[in-house]
């Protein structure tokens, strides 16, 4: 019987038995889940394969990843960190109204 192999459910990478997180994608493992029957438990229960169904060597899954789609706009419409113009307009209008109200209250 072959030694059981463990794989990340998130990215499909093979992971060591004693690892608590996937070295490829960083996903944290709280328990081991059998891919055949879905049984979940601590890793020590799976030392000889799945205790529920006996499944021990899952097939190596290799996902073909497509490259990311190119962005629609090559340059951002608004500089990173900049606010839209309407925010500045409303802020200035609120400031002017506040100063006007303060002037009317103090110099009445």
Protein backbone atom coordinates (compact mmCIF):
# COMPACT_ATOMS: atom_id res chain seq x y z
CA UNK A 1 0.00 0.00 0.00
CA UNK A 2 1.36 3.41 -0.98
CA UNK A 3 1.80 6.12 1.63
CA UNK A 4 -1.12 8.56 1.65
CA UNK A 5 -0.62 11.86 -0.13
CA UNK A 6 -2.29 15.10 0.88
CA UNK A 7 -3.50 17.87 -1.43
CA UNK A 8 -4.79 21.40 -0.89
CA UNK A 9 -8.52 21.73 -1.65
CA UNK A 10 -7.97 25.33 -2.71
CA UNK A 11 -5.14 25.08 -5.29
CA UNK A 12 -4.56 21.32 -5.71
CA UNK A 13 -0.89 21.46 -4.67
CA UNK A 14 0.56 18.49 -2.82
CA UNK A 15 1.18 19.29 0.85
CA UNK A 16 3.18 17.54 3.52
CA UNK A 17 1.30 15.58 6.12
CA UNK A 18 2.36 17.77 9.04
CA UNK A 19 1.83 21.17 7.41
CA UNK A 20 -0.91 23.41 8.79
CA UNK A 21 -1.06 25.66 5.71
CA UNK A 22 -0.54 25.18 1.98
CA UNK A 23 2.96 26.28 0.93
CA UNK A 24 1.63 27.29 -2.50
CA UNK A 25 -1.48 29.37 -1.74
CA UNK A 26 -1.23 29.82 2.06
CA UNK A 27 -4.66 28.35 2.89
CA UNK A 28 -4.89 27.17 6.51
CA UNK A 29 -5.96 23.56 7.14
CA UNK A 30 -8.16 22.90 10.15
CA UNK A 31 -8.66 19.23 9.28
CA UNK A 32 -8.07 16.64 6.57
CA UNK A 33 -10.93 15.74 4.23
CA UNK A 34 -11.13 12.54 2.19
CA UNK A 35 -11.74 13.36 -1.49
CA UNK A 36 -13.61 10.09 -2.03
CA UNK A 37 -16.15 10.01 0.79
CA UNK A 38 -15.87 13.48 2.36
CA UNK A 39 -14.92 12.23 5.85
CA UNK A 40 -13.09 14.94 7.84
CA UNK A 41 -10.85 14.57 10.85
CA UNK A 42 -7.41 15.16 12.32
CA UNK A 43 -4.38 14.24 10.23
CA UNK A 44 -3.37 11.41 12.59
CA UNK A 45 -6.60 9.57 11.68
CA UNK A 46 -5.47 9.52 8.04
CA UNK A 47 -2.00 8.00 8.63
CA UNK A 48 -2.94 4.85 6.68
CA UNK A 49 -5.54 6.40 4.42
CA UNK A 50 -9.14 7.36 5.04
CA UNK A 51 -10.49 5.59 8.16
CA UNK A 52 -14.01 5.60 6.72
CA UNK A 53 -13.52 4.28 3.17
CA UNK A 54 -9.85 3.25 2.96
CA UNK A 55 -9.01 5.72 0.22
CA UNK A 56 -5.31 6.47 0.45
CA UNK A 57 -3.82 7.79 -2.76
CA UNK A 58 -5.85 10.47 -4.51
CA UNK A 59 -5.00 11.15 -8.15
CA UNK A 60 -2.79 14.13 -8.72
CA UNK A 61 -5.03 16.93 -9.93
CA UNK A 62 -3.44 19.41 -12.22
CA UNK A 63 -5.52 22.39 -13.08
CA UNK A 64 -4.69 24.27 -16.21
CA UNK A 65 -4.80 27.91 -15.34
CA UNK A 66 -5.71 30.41 -17.98
CA UNK A 67 -3.76 33.66 -18.00
CA UNK A 68 -5.60 36.60 -16.54
CA UNK A 69 -7.56 38.73 -18.98
CA UNK A 70 -5.77 41.93 -19.94
CA UNK A 71 -7.19 45.06 -18.31
CA UNK A 72 -9.72 47.03 -20.34
CA UNK A 73 -8.00 50.34 -19.61
CA UNK A 74 -4.24 50.54 -19.88
CA UNK A 75 -4.05 53.59 -17.63
CA UNK A 76 -6.32 54.18 -14.66
CA UNK A 77 -8.99 56.83 -15.16
CA UNK A 78 -8.29 58.30 -11.72
CA UNK A 79 -4.83 58.28 -10.19
CA UNK A 80 -4.40 55.74 -7.42
CA UNK A 81 -5.32 57.34 -4.11
CA UNK A 82 -7.05 60.35 -5.69
CA UNK A 83 -10.66 61.15 -4.88
CA UNK A 84 -13.26 61.94 -7.52
CA UNK A 85 -13.78 65.66 -8.24
CA UNK A 86 -17.30 65.77 -6.73
CA UNK A 87 -15.82 65.01 -3.29
CA UNK A 88 -13.69 68.15 -3.48
CA UNK A 89 -16.61 70.28 -4.70
CA UNK A 90 -18.90 69.14 -1.87
CA UNK A 91 -16.13 69.62 0.70
CA UNK A 92 -15.44 73.19 -0.43
CA UNK A 93 -19.18 74.01 -0.51
CA UNK A 94 -19.64 72.64 3.03
CA UNK A 95 -16.65 74.67 4.22
CA UNK A 96 -18.01 77.89 2.68
CA UNK A 97 -21.47 77.29 4.21
CA UNK A 98 -19.91 76.64 7.62
CA UNK A 99 -17.87 79.84 7.46
CA UNK A 100 -20.94 81.83 6.35
CA UNK A 101 -23.04 80.46 9.22
CA UNK A 102 -20.25 81.16 11.71
CA UNK A 103 -19.87 84.73 10.40
CA UNK A 104 -23.63 85.36 10.70
CA UNK A 105 -23.76 84.03 14.27
CA UNK A 106 -20.71 85.95 15.52
CA UNK A 107 -21.30 89.30 13.81
CA UNK A 108 -25.05 89.68 14.06
